[in-house]
N, C-alpha and C. Protein backbone atom coordinates (compact mmCIF):
# COMPACT_ATOMS: atom_id res chain seq x y z
N MET A 1 6.88 43.25 101.56
CA MET A 1 7.21 44.65 101.74
C MET A 1 7.76 44.83 103.16
N PRO A 2 8.91 45.48 103.30
CA PRO A 2 9.48 45.72 104.63
C PRO A 2 8.58 46.63 105.46
N ARG A 3 8.54 46.38 106.77
CA ARG A 3 7.72 47.18 107.68
C ARG A 3 8.54 47.58 108.89
N SER A 4 8.04 48.62 109.57
CA SER A 4 8.67 49.09 110.79
C SER A 4 7.58 49.54 111.75
N THR A 5 7.92 49.67 113.02
CA THR A 5 6.96 50.09 114.05
C THR A 5 7.43 51.38 114.69
N LEU A 6 6.51 52.31 114.88
CA LEU A 6 6.80 53.58 115.53
C LEU A 6 6.85 53.36 117.04
N THR A 7 7.93 53.82 117.69
CA THR A 7 8.04 53.67 119.15
C THR A 7 7.30 54.80 119.85
N SER A 8 7.19 54.70 121.16
CA SER A 8 6.52 55.74 121.94
C SER A 8 7.29 57.06 121.90
N LYS A 9 8.58 57.01 121.51
CA LYS A 9 9.39 58.22 121.38
C LYS A 9 9.35 58.79 119.96
N GLY A 10 8.51 58.20 119.10
CA GLY A 10 8.40 58.70 117.73
C GLY A 10 9.52 58.24 116.82
N GLN A 11 10.20 57.16 117.16
CA GLN A 11 11.32 56.67 116.38
C GLN A 11 10.92 55.41 115.62
N ILE A 12 11.59 55.20 114.47
CA ILE A 12 11.41 53.97 113.73
C ILE A 12 12.78 53.41 113.39
N THR A 13 12.83 52.12 113.13
CA THR A 13 14.04 51.49 112.63
C THR A 13 13.79 51.19 111.17
N ILE A 14 14.68 51.66 110.31
CA ILE A 14 14.55 51.37 108.89
C ILE A 14 15.05 49.94 108.68
N PRO A 15 14.21 49.09 108.11
CA PRO A 15 14.62 47.70 107.92
C PRO A 15 15.92 47.56 107.14
N LYS A 16 16.71 46.56 107.49
CA LYS A 16 18.02 46.35 106.88
C LYS A 16 17.92 46.27 105.37
N GLU A 17 16.92 45.57 104.86
CA GLU A 17 16.75 45.44 103.41
C GLU A 17 16.66 46.82 102.75
N VAL A 18 15.92 47.74 103.38
CA VAL A 18 15.75 49.09 102.83
C VAL A 18 17.04 49.88 102.97
N ARG A 19 17.70 49.78 104.14
CA ARG A 19 18.98 50.48 104.34
C ARG A 19 20.00 50.05 103.30
N ASP A 20 20.06 48.74 103.05
CA ASP A 20 21.02 48.22 102.08
C ASP A 20 20.71 48.74 100.68
N GLN A 21 19.44 48.71 100.28
CA GLN A 21 19.07 49.15 98.94
C GLN A 21 19.29 50.65 98.75
N MET A 22 19.13 51.43 99.84
CA MET A 22 19.33 52.87 99.75
C MET A 22 20.77 53.28 100.01
N GLY A 23 21.60 52.32 100.43
CA GLY A 23 23.00 52.63 100.72
C GLY A 23 23.16 53.45 101.99
N LEU A 24 22.25 53.30 102.94
CA LEU A 24 22.30 54.08 104.18
C LEU A 24 23.27 53.47 105.17
N LYS A 25 23.97 54.35 105.89
CA LYS A 25 24.92 53.93 106.91
C LYS A 25 24.64 54.72 108.18
N PRO A 26 25.10 54.23 109.33
CA PRO A 26 24.90 54.99 110.57
C PRO A 26 25.41 56.42 110.42
N GLY A 27 24.62 57.37 110.87
CA GLY A 27 24.99 58.79 110.79
C GLY A 27 24.44 59.49 109.56
N ASP A 28 23.95 58.72 108.56
CA ASP A 28 23.37 59.35 107.38
C ASP A 28 22.10 60.11 107.78
N ARG A 29 21.83 61.17 107.05
CA ARG A 29 20.64 61.97 107.30
C ARG A 29 19.61 61.65 106.22
N ILE A 30 18.34 61.80 106.58
CA ILE A 30 17.24 61.43 105.69
C ILE A 30 16.23 62.57 105.63
N ASP A 31 15.75 62.86 104.43
CA ASP A 31 14.66 63.81 104.23
C ASP A 31 13.35 63.04 104.12
N PHE A 32 12.29 63.59 104.68
CA PHE A 32 10.94 63.08 104.49
C PHE A 32 10.25 64.04 103.54
N VAL A 33 9.86 63.56 102.38
CA VAL A 33 9.31 64.41 101.33
C VAL A 33 7.83 64.11 101.17
N LYS A 34 7.00 65.16 101.33
CA LYS A 34 5.56 64.99 101.19
C LYS A 34 5.18 65.06 99.72
N GLY A 35 4.44 64.05 99.28
CA GLY A 35 3.99 64.01 97.90
C GLY A 35 2.69 64.75 97.71
N ARG A 36 2.27 64.90 96.46
CA ARG A 36 1.04 65.63 96.14
C ARG A 36 -0.21 64.96 96.71
N THR A 37 -0.15 63.65 96.87
CA THR A 37 -1.33 62.94 97.38
C THR A 37 -1.35 62.84 98.90
N GLY A 38 -0.34 63.44 99.56
CA GLY A 38 -0.30 63.45 101.02
C GLY A 38 0.61 62.39 101.61
N GLY A 39 1.04 61.42 100.80
CA GLY A 39 1.97 60.40 101.29
C GLY A 39 3.38 60.95 101.40
N PHE A 40 4.22 60.21 102.08
CA PHE A 40 5.62 60.63 102.26
C PHE A 40 6.56 59.61 101.66
N SER A 41 7.68 60.08 101.18
CA SER A 41 8.77 59.20 100.77
C SER A 41 10.02 59.67 101.50
N ILE A 42 10.99 58.79 101.60
CA ILE A 42 12.24 59.17 102.27
C ILE A 42 13.36 59.14 101.26
N ARG A 43 14.33 60.02 101.46
CA ARG A 43 15.50 60.01 100.59
C ARG A 43 16.71 60.43 101.43
N PRO A 44 17.85 59.81 101.15
CA PRO A 44 19.05 60.18 101.91
C PRO A 44 19.53 61.56 101.50
N ILE A 45 20.03 62.31 102.47
CA ILE A 45 20.59 63.63 102.20
C ILE A 45 22.06 63.51 101.84
N ASN A 46 22.76 62.63 102.52
CA ASN A 46 24.20 62.48 102.31
C ASN A 46 24.47 61.95 100.92
N THR A 47 25.41 62.56 100.25
CA THR A 47 25.83 62.11 98.94
C THR A 47 27.33 61.86 98.99
N ASP A 48 27.72 60.70 98.56
CA ASP A 48 29.14 60.38 98.50
C ASP A 48 29.76 61.27 97.43
N PHE A 49 30.79 62.02 97.77
CA PHE A 49 31.39 62.96 96.83
C PHE A 49 31.84 62.28 95.55
N ARG A 50 32.16 61.00 95.62
CA ARG A 50 32.61 60.29 94.41
C ARG A 50 31.50 60.18 93.37
N SER A 51 30.23 60.24 93.82
CA SER A 51 29.12 60.15 92.87
C SER A 51 28.98 61.44 92.06
N LEU A 52 29.67 62.51 92.47
CA LEU A 52 29.59 63.79 91.77
C LEU A 52 30.61 63.88 90.63
N ARG A 53 31.46 62.89 90.51
CA ARG A 53 32.50 62.92 89.49
C ARG A 53 31.89 63.08 88.09
N GLY A 54 32.44 64.05 87.35
CA GLY A 54 32.00 64.27 85.98
C GLY A 54 30.78 65.14 85.84
N ILE A 55 30.24 65.64 86.95
CA ILE A 55 29.02 66.44 86.88
C ILE A 55 29.29 67.82 86.26
N ILE A 56 30.51 68.33 86.44
CA ILE A 56 30.90 69.61 85.85
C ILE A 56 31.94 69.33 84.78
N LYS A 57 31.64 69.75 83.58
CA LYS A 57 32.55 69.49 82.47
C LYS A 57 33.56 70.63 82.32
N SER A 58 34.76 70.28 81.93
CA SER A 58 35.81 71.26 81.68
C SER A 58 35.48 72.04 80.41
N PRO A 59 35.66 73.36 80.42
CA PRO A 59 35.42 74.13 79.20
C PRO A 59 36.42 73.75 78.09
N LEU A 60 37.51 73.10 78.47
CA LEU A 60 38.51 72.69 77.49
C LEU A 60 38.15 71.35 76.84
N GLY A 61 37.14 70.67 77.36
CA GLY A 61 36.75 69.38 76.83
C GLY A 61 37.65 68.24 77.28
N ARG A 62 38.52 68.52 78.24
CA ARG A 62 39.43 67.50 78.77
C ARG A 62 39.71 67.85 80.23
N PRO A 63 40.24 66.90 80.99
CA PRO A 63 40.59 67.23 82.38
C PRO A 63 41.67 68.32 82.42
N ILE A 64 41.62 69.14 83.45
CA ILE A 64 42.60 70.22 83.63
C ILE A 64 43.78 69.67 84.43
N THR A 65 44.98 70.01 84.01
CA THR A 65 46.18 69.53 84.69
C THR A 65 46.44 70.34 85.96
N ILE A 66 47.27 69.80 86.81
CA ILE A 66 47.67 70.50 88.04
C ILE A 66 48.36 71.81 87.68
N GLU A 67 49.18 71.79 86.65
CA GLU A 67 49.90 73.00 86.23
C GLU A 67 48.90 74.09 85.81
N GLU A 68 47.86 73.70 85.06
CA GLU A 68 46.85 74.67 84.63
C GLU A 68 46.09 75.23 85.84
N MET A 69 45.84 74.36 86.82
CA MET A 69 45.18 74.84 88.05
C MET A 69 46.06 75.84 88.77
N ASP A 70 47.36 75.52 88.90
CA ASP A 70 48.30 76.42 89.57
C ASP A 70 48.37 77.77 88.86
N GLU A 71 48.40 77.75 87.52
CA GLU A 71 48.45 78.99 86.75
C GLU A 71 47.18 79.82 86.97
N ALA A 72 46.03 79.17 87.00
CA ALA A 72 44.77 79.89 87.20
C ALA A 72 44.74 80.51 88.61
N ILE A 73 45.24 79.77 89.60
CA ILE A 73 45.29 80.30 90.96
C ILE A 73 46.22 81.51 91.03
N ALA A 74 47.38 81.43 90.38
CA ALA A 74 48.33 82.53 90.36
C ALA A 74 47.71 83.76 89.68
N ARG A 75 47.03 83.55 88.55
CA ARG A 75 46.38 84.69 87.88
C ARG A 75 45.31 85.31 88.77
N GLY A 76 44.56 84.46 89.47
CA GLY A 76 43.52 84.98 90.37
C GLY A 76 44.12 85.79 91.50
N ALA A 77 45.26 85.34 92.01
CA ALA A 77 45.93 86.05 93.11
C ALA A 77 46.44 87.40 92.65
N LEU A 78 46.78 87.50 91.34
CA LEU A 78 47.27 88.76 90.80
C LEU A 78 46.13 89.67 90.35
N GLY A 79 44.90 89.16 90.44
CA GLY A 79 43.75 89.97 90.05
C GLY A 79 43.48 89.98 88.55
N GLU A 80 44.03 89.05 87.84
CA GLU A 80 43.84 89.01 86.39
C GLU A 80 42.53 88.35 86.04
């Protein structure tokens, strides 16, 4: 099991094995989540936008074309 040591400034280094498995990179933010039993777990806050692909489905059941997007924007600008 990977381990780390708390410094006098309250900092820890997340072991490379854990960073790699969690996909953490320099600058990523981390949440500390308290569990019901009092223990803590960590989870990354940053989400790669590519992982969100497909999360919202088109009401048409297919991808929307650029032309359809342009038409919707034009209708919105006209207040329709």
